[in-house]
Amino acid sequence: MSSSTTPALARFNTSDDGTARSVLHEVCASRAWGSKILAQRPYATTDALFAASDAAMAELTAEDLAEAMAGHPPIGRPKPGDPTSNREQSGMAGASDELKAEMLELNLAYQEKFGHVFLICASGRTGEQMRDALRNRIDNSPEQEREIVRGELGKINRIRLTRIAETAEGDAA
């Protein structure tokens, strides 16, 4: 990624703790993750920010992961008025009513089994790909699924952190 500090990353590094914490909460709803990222500022590069994110994600407890997952809407039902949620789930935007209904049914079955929303890094995936992943993962054990979710959250965090580290001032992050 980046081998030097971008203007956007410099702004993040020098923003007050409250502002930075709010920005990080938009990336990941886990307070533990956000606190770990905040505590390691300043970041020299986007890669350093990614490494810190990955390390913080690896250390999250089951409770911290649950808190992080609670910040994500179900696939196929992005948060109204949330451009990030809509952008990340754009693969479902043109899905047929049949696929949307199937995703709803699968999402409910998944949530019943695991106690949380089905979480996948949806960026760049079609509705069918997300459905197929859900079908495949619903047979996992809770332990297997927790580690898959940890990896998916890490991917989502990297996408969102890239926007923070590389978005020009005035652009929507």
N, C-alpha and C. Protein backbone atom coordinates (compact mmCIF):
# COMPACT_ATOMS: atom_id res chain seq x y z
N MET A 1 0.84 -1.18 0.00
CA MET A 1 0.00 0.00 0.00
C MET A 1 0.88 1.25 0.00
N SER A 2 0.83 2.00 1.07
CA SER A 2 1.50 3.28 1.13
C SER A 2 2.83 3.18 1.87
N SER A 3 3.87 3.79 1.28
CA SER A 3 5.17 3.76 1.92
C SER A 3 5.47 5.07 2.63
N SER A 4 4.55 6.03 2.59
CA SER A 4 4.73 7.29 3.30
C SER A 4 3.39 7.74 3.86
N THR A 5 3.45 8.71 4.75
CA THR A 5 2.24 9.22 5.36
C THR A 5 1.50 10.09 4.35
N THR A 6 0.25 9.76 4.09
CA THR A 6 -0.58 10.56 3.20
C THR A 6 -1.13 11.75 3.98
N PRO A 7 -1.58 12.80 3.29
CA PRO A 7 -2.19 13.92 4.02
C PRO A 7 -3.38 13.47 4.88
N ALA A 8 -4.17 12.55 4.37
CA ALA A 8 -5.33 12.07 5.13
C ALA A 8 -4.88 11.29 6.37
N LEU A 9 -3.85 10.47 6.23
CA LEU A 9 -3.34 9.72 7.39
C LEU A 9 -2.73 10.69 8.41
N ALA A 10 -2.05 11.71 7.93
CA ALA A 10 -1.49 12.72 8.84
C ALA A 10 -2.60 13.41 9.62
N ARG A 11 -3.71 13.73 8.95
CA ARG A 11 -4.86 14.34 9.65
C ARG A 11 -5.40 13.40 10.72
N PHE A 12 -5.52 12.10 10.38
CA PHE A 12 -5.99 11.13 11.37
C PHE A 12 -5.01 11.07 12.55
N ASN A 13 -3.72 11.04 12.26
CA ASN A 13 -2.71 10.97 13.31
C ASN A 13 -2.76 12.15 14.27
N THR A 14 -3.09 13.33 13.75
CA THR A 14 -3.05 14.54 14.58
C THR A 14 -4.42 14.99 15.08
N SER A 15 -5.47 14.28 14.71
CA SER A 15 -6.80 14.67 15.20
C SER A 15 -6.89 14.38 16.69
N ASP A 16 -7.77 15.11 17.36
CA ASP A 16 -7.93 14.88 18.79
C ASP A 16 -8.50 13.48 19.03
N ASP A 17 -8.29 12.96 20.23
CA ASP A 17 -8.69 11.59 20.54
C ASP A 17 -10.17 11.34 20.31
N GLY A 18 -11.02 12.30 20.66
CA GLY A 18 -12.46 12.11 20.48
C GLY A 18 -12.84 11.96 19.02
N THR A 19 -12.26 12.81 18.18
CA THR A 19 -12.52 12.73 16.74
C THR A 19 -12.01 11.42 16.17
N ALA A 20 -10.77 11.06 16.54
CA ALA A 20 -10.18 9.82 16.03
C ALA A 20 -10.97 8.61 16.50
N ARG A 21 -11.41 8.61 17.75
CA ARG A 21 -12.21 7.49 18.28
C ARG A 21 -13.52 7.36 17.50
N SER A 22 -14.14 8.47 17.17
CA SER A 22 -15.39 8.46 16.41
C SER A 22 -15.15 7.90 15.00
N VAL A 23 -14.06 8.31 14.37
CA VAL A 23 -13.71 7.81 13.04
C VAL A 23 -13.47 6.30 13.11
N LEU A 24 -12.74 5.86 14.11
CA LEU A 24 -12.45 4.43 14.25
C LEU A 24 -13.71 3.62 14.54
N HIS A 25 -14.64 4.19 15.27
CA HIS A 25 -15.90 3.49 15.56
C HIS A 25 -16.69 3.25 14.28
N GLU A 26 -16.56 4.14 13.29
CA GLU A 26 -17.21 3.95 12.00
C GLU A 26 -16.55 2.80 11.23
N VAL A 27 -15.29 2.52 11.52
CA VAL A 27 -14.58 1.41 10.88
C VAL A 27 -14.99 0.11 11.54
N CYS A 28 -14.95 0.08 12.87
CA CYS A 28 -15.23 -1.14 13.63
C CYS A 28 -15.88 -0.76 14.95
N ALA A 29 -17.00 -1.37 15.28
CA ALA A 29 -17.76 -1.03 16.47
C ALA A 29 -17.14 -1.54 17.76
N SER A 30 -16.07 -2.34 17.68
CA SER A 30 -15.42 -2.84 18.89
C SER A 30 -14.63 -1.72 19.56
N ARG A 31 -14.98 -1.40 20.79
CA ARG A 31 -14.24 -0.37 21.54
C ARG A 31 -12.82 -0.82 21.81
N ALA A 32 -12.61 -2.11 22.08
CA ALA A 32 -11.25 -2.62 22.35
C ALA A 32 -10.37 -2.42 21.12
N TRP A 33 -10.89 -2.75 19.94
CA TRP A 33 -10.13 -2.56 18.71
C TRP A 33 -9.78 -1.09 18.53
N GLY A 34 -10.77 -0.22 18.67
CA GLY A 34 -10.55 1.21 18.49
C GLY A 34 -9.53 1.76 19.47
N SER A 35 -9.59 1.33 20.72
CA SER A 35 -8.64 1.80 21.73
C SER A 35 -7.21 1.39 21.38
N LYS A 36 -7.05 0.17 20.87
CA LYS A 36 -5.71 -0.30 20.50
C LYS A 36 -5.16 0.49 19.32
N ILE A 37 -6.00 0.81 18.34
CA ILE A 37 -5.55 1.58 17.18
C ILE A 37 -5.22 3.00 17.61
N LEU A 38 -6.06 3.58 18.43
CA LEU A 38 -5.87 4.94 18.91
C LEU A 38 -4.57 5.06 19.70
N ALA A 39 -4.29 4.10 20.54
CA ALA A 39 -3.12 4.14 21.42
C ALA A 39 -1.79 4.09 20.67
N GLN A 40 -1.82 3.59 19.44
CA GLN A 40 -0.57 3.43 18.69
C GLN A 40 -0.29 4.56 17.70
N ARG A 41 -1.14 5.56 17.67
CA ARG A 41 -0.88 6.70 16.78
C ARG A 41 0.40 7.37 17.21
N PRO A 42 1.14 7.98 16.31
CA PRO A 42 0.88 8.17 14.89
C PRO A 42 1.36 6.98 14.05
N TYR A 43 0.76 6.83 12.90
CA TYR A 43 1.12 5.78 11.95
C TYR A 43 1.92 6.41 10.81
N ALA A 44 3.07 5.83 10.52
CA ALA A 44 3.94 6.36 9.46
C ALA A 44 3.38 6.05 8.07
N THR A 45 2.69 4.92 7.95
CA THR A 45 2.19 4.48 6.64
C THR A 45 0.84 3.80 6.81
N THR A 46 0.15 3.65 5.70
CA THR A 46 -1.10 2.89 5.70
C THR A 46 -0.82 1.44 6.10
N ASP A 47 0.30 0.90 5.63
CA ASP A 47 0.67 -0.48 5.99
C ASP A 47 0.83 -0.63 7.50
N ALA A 48 1.40 0.38 8.15
CA ALA A 48 1.56 0.33 9.61
C ALA A 48 0.19 0.34 10.29
N LEU A 49 -0.73 1.12 9.75
CA LEU A 49 -2.09 1.16 10.28
C LEU A 49 -2.77 -0.20 10.09
N PHE A 50 -2.59 -0.80 8.92
CA PHE A 50 -3.14 -2.14 8.67
C PHE A 50 -2.56 -3.16 9.63
N ALA A 51 -1.27 -3.12 9.85
CA ALA A 51 -0.62 -4.08 10.76
C ALA A 51 -1.18 -3.94 12.17
N ALA A 52 -1.38 -2.71 12.60
CA ALA A 52 -1.94 -2.48 13.93
C ALA A 52 -3.38 -2.99 14.00
N SER A 53 -4.14 -2.77 12.94
CA SER A 53 -5.52 -3.26 12.88
C SER A 53 -5.56 -4.78 12.95
N ASP A 54 -4.71 -5.42 12.14
CA ASP A 54 -4.67 -6.88 12.13
C ASP A 54 -4.31 -7.44 13.50
N ALA A 55 -3.31 -6.82 14.15
CA ALA A 55 -2.89 -7.28 15.48
C ALA A 55 -4.01 -7.08 16.50
N ALA A 56 -4.67 -5.94 16.44
CA ALA A 56 -5.77 -5.68 17.37
C ALA A 56 -6.92 -6.66 17.13
N MET A 57 -7.21 -6.96 15.87
CA MET A 57 -8.28 -7.89 15.54
C MET A 57 -7.95 -9.28 16.09
N ALA A 58 -6.72 -9.69 15.98
CA ALA A 58 -6.30 -11.02 16.46
C ALA A 58 -6.46 -11.16 17.97
N GLU A 59 -6.42 -10.04 18.68
CA GLU A 59 -6.50 -10.06 20.14
C GLU A 59 -7.92 -9.92 20.69
N LEU A 60 -8.89 -9.67 19.83
CA LEU A 60 -10.25 -9.46 20.32
C LEU A 60 -10.82 -10.73 20.95
N THR A 61 -11.49 -10.55 22.06
CA THR A 61 -12.18 -11.65 22.72
C THR A 61 -13.49 -11.94 21.99
N ALA A 62 -14.15 -13.01 22.36
CA ALA A 62 -15.46 -13.33 21.77
C ALA A 62 -16.44 -12.18 22.02
N GLU A 63 -16.37 -11.58 23.20
CA GLU A 63 -17.26 -10.45 23.52
C GLU A 63 -16.94 -9.24 22.63
N ASP A 64 -15.65 -8.98 22.42
CA ASP A 64 -15.25 -7.87 21.54
C ASP A 64 -15.71 -8.11 20.11
N LEU A 65 -15.60 -9.37 19.65
CA LEU A 65 -16.06 -9.71 18.30
C LEU A 65 -17.57 -9.50 18.18
N ALA A 66 -18.30 -9.88 19.22
CA ALA A 66 -19.75 -9.68 19.21
C ALA A 66 -20.08 -8.20 19.10
N GLU A 67 -19.34 -7.37 19.82
CA GLU A 67 -19.55 -5.92 19.76
C GLU A 67 -19.25 -5.41 18.34
N ALA A 68 -18.18 -5.90 17.74
CA ALA A 68 -17.83 -5.50 16.38
C ALA A 68 -18.92 -5.91 15.40
N MET A 69 -19.42 -7.13 15.53
CA MET A 69 -20.46 -7.63 14.61
C MET A 69 -21.76 -6.86 14.75
N ALA A 70 -22.04 -6.40 15.96
CA ALA A 70 -23.29 -5.66 16.19
C ALA A 70 -23.34 -4.38 15.37
N GLY A 71 -22.20 -3.90 14.90
CA GLY A 71 -22.17 -2.69 14.09
C GLY A 71 -22.44 -2.93 12.62
N HIS A 72 -22.70 -4.18 12.24
CA HIS A 72 -22.92 -4.51 10.84
C HIS A 72 -24.36 -4.97 10.60
N PRO A 73 -25.01 -4.40 9.57
CA PRO A 73 -26.37 -4.83 9.24
C PRO A 73 -26.33 -6.17 8.50
N PRO A 74 -27.43 -6.88 8.49
CA PRO A 74 -27.49 -8.13 7.72
C PRO A 74 -27.27 -7.88 6.23
N ILE A 75 -26.64 -8.86 5.57
CA ILE A 75 -26.44 -8.78 4.12
C ILE A 75 -27.81 -8.70 3.45
N GLY A 76 -27.94 -7.74 2.55
CA GLY A 76 -29.21 -7.54 1.85
C GLY A 76 -30.10 -6.51 2.51
N ARG A 77 -29.70 -6.07 3.71
CA ARG A 77 -30.48 -5.03 4.41
C ARG A 77 -29.54 -3.98 4.98
N PRO A 78 -28.87 -3.20 4.11
CA PRO A 78 -27.95 -2.18 4.61
C PRO A 78 -28.69 -1.14 5.45
N LYS A 79 -27.96 -0.49 6.33
CA LYS A 79 -28.56 0.54 7.19
C LYS A 79 -29.07 1.67 6.31
N PRO A 80 -30.33 2.07 6.50
CA PRO A 80 -30.88 3.18 5.71
C PRO A 80 -30.05 4.44 5.92
N GLY A 81 -29.72 5.11 4.83
CA GLY A 81 -28.98 6.36 4.91
C GLY A 81 -27.50 6.20 5.21
N ASP A 82 -26.99 4.97 5.22
CA ASP A 82 -25.58 4.73 5.51
C ASP A 82 -24.84 4.44 4.21
N PRO A 83 -24.07 5.43 3.69
CA PRO A 83 -23.41 5.22 2.40
C PRO A 83 -22.37 4.09 2.45
N THR A 84 -21.72 3.89 3.59
CA THR A 84 -20.72 2.82 3.70
C THR A 84 -21.39 1.47 3.56
N SER A 85 -22.46 1.26 4.30
CA SER A 85 -23.20 0.01 4.26
C SER A 85 -23.74 -0.25 2.85
N ASN A 86 -24.30 0.78 2.23
CA ASN A 86 -24.83 0.63 0.87
C ASN A 86 -23.73 0.32 -0.14
N ARG A 87 -22.59 1.00 -0.02
CA ARG A 87 -21.47 0.77 -0.95
C ARG A 87 -20.94 -0.65 -0.79
N GLU A 88 -20.75 -1.08 0.44
CA GLU A 88 -20.18 -2.40 0.69
C GLU A 88 -21.12 -3.53 0.27
N GLN A 89 -22.40 -3.29 0.33
CA GLN A 89 -23.36 -4.33 -0.04
C GLN A 89 -23.96 -4.10 -1.42
N SER A 90 -23.28 -3.36 -2.26
CA SER A 90 -23.84 -3.03 -3.57
C SER A 90 -24.10 -4.26 -4.43
N GLY A 91 -23.45 -5.38 -4.14
CA GLY A 91 -23.68 -6.62 -4.88
C GLY A 91 -25.10 -7.15 -4.72
N MET A 92 -25.78 -6.71 -3.68
CA MET A 92 -27.17 -7.13 -3.47
C MET A 92 -28.17 -6.14 -4.08
N ALA A 93 -27.68 -4.98 -4.50
CA ALA A 93 -28.58 -3.93 -4.98
C ALA A 93 -29.44 -4.37 -6.15
N GLY A 94 -28.86 -5.11 -7.09
CA GLY A 94 -29.63 -5.54 -8.25
C GLY A 94 -30.14 -6.96 -8.15
N ALA A 95 -30.09 -7.52 -6.95
CA ALA A 95 -30.52 -8.92 -6.78
C ALA A 95 -32.02 -9.05 -7.01
N SER A 96 -32.38 -10.22 -7.50
CA SER A 96 -33.80 -10.50 -7.74
C SER A 96 -34.54 -10.58 -6.40
N ASP A 97 -35.84 -10.44 -6.47
CA ASP A 97 -36.65 -10.58 -5.26
C ASP A 97 -36.49 -11.97 -4.67
N GLU A 98 -36.34 -12.96 -5.53
CA GLU A 98 -36.15 -14.34 -5.08
C GLU A 98 -34.84 -14.48 -4.29
N LEU A 99 -33.77 -13.89 -4.81
CA LEU A 99 -32.48 -13.96 -4.12
C LEU A 99 -32.55 -13.19 -2.79
N LYS A 100 -33.18 -12.03 -2.80
CA LYS A 100 -33.32 -11.25 -1.56
C LYS A 100 -34.11 -12.04 -0.52
N ALA A 101 -35.17 -12.72 -0.93
CA ALA A 101 -35.98 -13.52 -0.01
C ALA A 101 -35.16 -14.69 0.52
N GLU A 102 -34.38 -15.33 -0.36
CA GLU A 102 -33.54 -16.44 0.07
C GLU A 102 -32.48 -15.96 1.06
N MET A 103 -31.89 -14.79 0.81
CA MET A 103 -30.88 -14.24 1.73
C MET A 103 -31.51 -13.94 3.09
N LEU A 104 -32.70 -13.42 3.09
CA LEU A 104 -33.38 -13.14 4.35
C LEU A 104 -33.58 -14.43 5.14
N GLU A 105 -34.06 -15.45 4.48
CA GLU A 105 -34.29 -16.75 5.12
C GLU A 105 -32.97 -17.33 5.66
N LEU A 106 -31.94 -17.30 4.83
CA LEU A 106 -30.63 -17.83 5.25
C LEU A 106 -30.03 -17.00 6.39
N ASN A 107 -30.16 -15.67 6.29
CA ASN A 107 -29.67 -14.80 7.36
C ASN A 107 -30.34 -15.13 8.69
N LEU A 108 -31.64 -15.34 8.65
CA LEU A 108 -32.37 -15.66 9.89
C LEU A 108 -31.93 -17.01 10.45
N ALA A 109 -31.74 -18.00 9.59
CA ALA A 109 -31.28 -19.32 10.04
C ALA A 109 -29.87 -19.22 10.63
N TYR A 110 -29.02 -18.44 9.99
CA TYR A 110 -27.65 -18.25 10.48
C TYR A 110 -27.68 -17.57 11.85
N GLN A 111 -28.47 -16.50 11.94
CA GLN A 111 -28.54 -15.76 13.20
C GLN A 111 -29.10 -16.63 14.32
N GLU A 112 -30.06 -17.47 13.99
CA GLU A 112 -30.63 -18.41 14.98
C GLU A 112 -29.55 -19.36 15.48
N LYS A 113 -28.72 -19.85 14.57
CA LYS A 113 -27.69 -20.82 14.94
C LYS A 113 -26.54 -20.18 15.71
N PHE A 114 -26.05 -19.02 15.23
CA PHE A 114 -24.83 -18.44 15.79
C PHE A 114 -25.06 -17.27 16.74
N GLY A 115 -26.27 -16.70 16.73
CA GLY A 115 -26.56 -15.60 17.65
C GLY A 115 -26.07 -14.24 17.18
N HIS A 116 -25.68 -14.13 15.91
CA HIS A 116 -25.24 -12.85 15.35
C HIS A 116 -25.46 -12.88 13.84
N VAL A 117 -25.35 -11.68 13.24
CA VAL A 117 -25.55 -11.58 11.79
C VAL A 117 -24.45 -12.33 11.05
N PHE A 118 -24.79 -12.79 9.86
CA PHE A 118 -23.80 -13.36 8.95
C PHE A 118 -22.92 -12.22 8.49
N LEU A 119 -21.63 -12.36 8.69
CA LEU A 119 -20.70 -11.29 8.35
C LEU A 119 -19.72 -11.77 7.29
N ILE A 120 -19.64 -11.00 6.23
CA ILE A 120 -18.73 -11.30 5.13
C ILE A 120 -18.26 -9.98 4.56
N CYS A 121 -17.03 -9.94 4.09
CA CYS A 121 -16.55 -8.76 3.38
C CYS A 121 -17.25 -8.77 2.03
N ALA A 122 -18.31 -7.99 1.92
CA ALA A 122 -19.19 -8.03 0.76
C ALA A 122 -18.68 -7.22 -0.43
N SER A 123 -17.70 -6.37 -0.20
CA SER A 123 -17.18 -5.53 -1.29
C SER A 123 -16.71 -6.38 -2.46
N GLY A 124 -17.26 -6.06 -3.64
CA GLY A 124 -16.86 -6.77 -4.85
C GLY A 124 -17.53 -8.11 -5.06
N ARG A 125 -18.41 -8.52 -4.16
CA ARG A 125 -19.09 -9.81 -4.29
C ARG A 125 -20.50 -9.61 -4.84
N THR A 126 -20.93 -10.56 -5.63
CA THR A 126 -22.30 -10.54 -6.14
C THR A 126 -23.23 -11.10 -5.06
N GLY A 127 -24.50 -10.86 -5.24
CA GLY A 127 -25.49 -11.43 -4.33
C GLY A 127 -25.40 -12.94 -4.28
N GLU A 128 -25.19 -13.55 -5.44
CA GLU A 128 -25.09 -15.01 -5.51
C GLU A 128 -23.86 -15.52 -4.75
N GLN A 129 -22.75 -14.80 -4.86
CA GLN A 129 -21.53 -15.20 -4.13
C GLN A 129 -21.75 -15.11 -2.63
N MET A 130 -22.43 -14.08 -2.19
CA MET A 130 -22.70 -13.93 -0.75
C MET A 130 -23.65 -15.04 -0.28
N ARG A 131 -24.67 -15.33 -1.08
CA ARG A 131 -25.59 -16.41 -0.74
C ARG A 131 -24.85 -17.74 -0.64
N ASP A 132 -24.00 -18.01 -1.62
CA ASP A 132 -23.27 -19.28 -1.61
C ASP A 132 -22.35 -19.38 -0.40
N ALA A 133 -21.71 -18.28 -0.03
CA ALA A 133 -20.84 -18.28 1.15
C ALA A 133 -21.67 -18.54 2.41
N LEU A 134 -22.83 -17.93 2.48
CA LEU A 134 -23.71 -18.14 3.63
C LEU A 134 -24.14 -19.61 3.70
N ARG A 135 -24.53 -20.15 2.58
CA ARG A 135 -24.93 -21.58 2.54
C ARG A 135 -23.78 -22.47 3.03
N ASN A 136 -22.57 -22.18 2.59
CA ASN A 136 -21.41 -23.00 2.98
C ASN A 136 -21.05 -22.84 4.45
N ARG A 137 -21.17 -21.64 4.96
CA ARG A 137 -20.73 -21.38 6.33
C ARG A 137 -21.74 -21.76 7.40
N ILE A 138 -22.98 -21.92 7.05
CA ILE A 138 -24.01 -22.19 8.05
C ILE A 138 -23.79 -23.55 8.74
N ASP A 139 -23.05 -24.44 8.09
CA ASP A 139 -22.76 -25.74 8.69
C ASP A 139 -21.52 -25.74 9.58
N ASN A 140 -20.83 -24.61 9.68
CA ASN A 140 -19.64 -24.52 10.52
C ASN A 140 -19.99 -24.65 12.00
N SER A 141 -18.99 -24.98 12.78
CA SER A 141 -19.15 -24.94 14.24
C SER A 141 -19.05 -23.47 14.68
N PRO A 142 -19.57 -23.14 15.85
CA PRO A 142 -19.44 -21.76 16.34
C PRO A 142 -17.97 -21.30 16.40
N GLU A 143 -17.07 -22.20 16.77
CA GLU A 143 -15.65 -21.85 16.86
C GLU A 143 -15.07 -21.55 15.49
N GLN A 144 -15.40 -22.39 14.50
CA GLN A 144 -14.93 -22.14 13.13
C GLN A 144 -15.46 -20.81 12.62
N GLU A 145 -16.73 -20.59 12.87
CA GLU A 145 -17.37 -19.38 12.36
C GLU A 145 -16.79 -18.14 13.03
N ARG A 146 -16.50 -18.20 14.30
CA ARG A 146 -15.92 -17.05 15.01
C ARG A 146 -14.59 -16.64 14.35
N GLU A 147 -13.76 -17.61 13.98
CA GLU A 147 -12.48 -17.28 13.37
C GLU A 147 -12.65 -16.79 11.93
N ILE A 148 -13.63 -17.32 11.20
CA ILE A 148 -13.92 -16.81 9.86
C ILE A 148 -14.39 -15.36 9.97
N VAL A 149 -15.27 -15.09 10.92
CA VAL A 149 -15.78 -13.74 11.12
C VAL A 149 -14.63 -12.79 11.47
N ARG A 150 -13.70 -13.24 12.32
CA ARG A 150 -12.55 -12.41 12.68
C ARG A 150 -11.79 -12.01 11.39
N GLY A 151 -11.58 -12.97 10.49
CA GLY A 151 -10.90 -12.68 9.23
C GLY A 151 -11.69 -11.74 8.34
N GLU A 152 -13.00 -11.94 8.27
CA GLU A 152 -13.85 -11.07 7.45
C GLU A 152 -13.87 -9.65 8.01
N LEU A 153 -13.95 -9.52 9.32
CA LEU A 153 -13.90 -8.20 9.94
C LEU A 153 -12.58 -7.51 9.62
N GLY A 154 -11.50 -8.27 9.66
CA GLY A 154 -10.19 -7.71 9.34
C GLY A 154 -10.15 -7.15 7.92
N LYS A 155 -10.75 -7.87 6.98
CA LYS A 155 -10.80 -7.40 5.58
C LYS A 155 -11.64 -6.12 5.48
N ILE A 156 -12.78 -6.11 6.15
CA ILE A 156 -13.66 -4.94 6.13
C ILE A 156 -12.93 -3.74 6.74
N ASN A 157 -12.25 -3.98 7.86
CA ASN A 157 -11.52 -2.89 8.52
C ASN A 157 -10.46 -2.30 7.59
N ARG A 158 -9.75 -3.16 6.86
CA ARG A 158 -8.71 -2.67 5.94
C ARG A 158 -9.32 -1.79 4.85
N ILE A 159 -10.46 -2.19 4.31
CA ILE A 159 -11.13 -1.38 3.28
C ILE A 159 -11.52 -0.02 3.86
N ARG A 160 -12.08 -0.05 5.03
CA ARG A 160 -12.53 1.20 5.66
C ARG A 160 -11.35 2.06 6.10
N LEU A 161 -10.29 1.44 6.60
CA LEU A 161 -9.09 2.20 6.99
C LEU A 161 -8.43 2.84 5.78
N THR A 162 -8.49 2.18 4.63
CA THR A 162 -7.92 2.75 3.40
C THR A 162 -8.62 4.07 3.09
N ARG A 163 -9.93 4.12 3.28
CA ARG A 163 -10.66 5.36 3.03
C ARG A 163 -10.19 6.46 3.97
N ILE A 164 -9.95 6.12 5.24
CA ILE A 164 -9.47 7.11 6.21
C ILE A 164 -8.07 7.60 5.83
N ALA A 165 -7.21 6.67 5.47
CA ALA A 165 -5.80 7.00 5.23
C ALA A 165 -5.54 7.64 3.88
N GLU A 166 -6.47 7.49 2.94
CA GLU A 166 -6.19 7.96 1.59
C GLU A 166 -7.23 8.93 1.03
N THR A 167 -8.25 9.26 1.79
CA THR A 167 -9.29 10.16 1.32
C THR A 167 -8.85 11.61 1.49
N ALA A 168 -8.95 12.36 0.41
CA ALA A 168 -8.58 13.77 0.46
C ALA A 168 -9.55 14.56 1.32
N GLU A 169 -9.07 15.61 1.92
CA GLU A 169 -9.91 16.43 2.79
C GLU A 169 -11.14 16.91 2.03
N GLY A 170 -12.28 16.80 2.66
CA GLY A 170 -13.53 17.22 2.04
C GLY A 170 -14.26 16.07 1.38
N ASP A 171 -13.56 14.99 1.06
CA ASP A 171 -14.22 13.81 0.48
C ASP A 171 -14.95 13.07 1.58
N ALA A 172 -15.97 12.32 1.21
CA ALA A 172 -16.67 11.50 2.18
C ALA A 172 -15.82 10.27 2.46
N ALA A 173 -15.58 10.00 3.71
CA ALA A 173 -14.74 8.84 4.08
C ALA A 173 -15.55 7.58 4.11
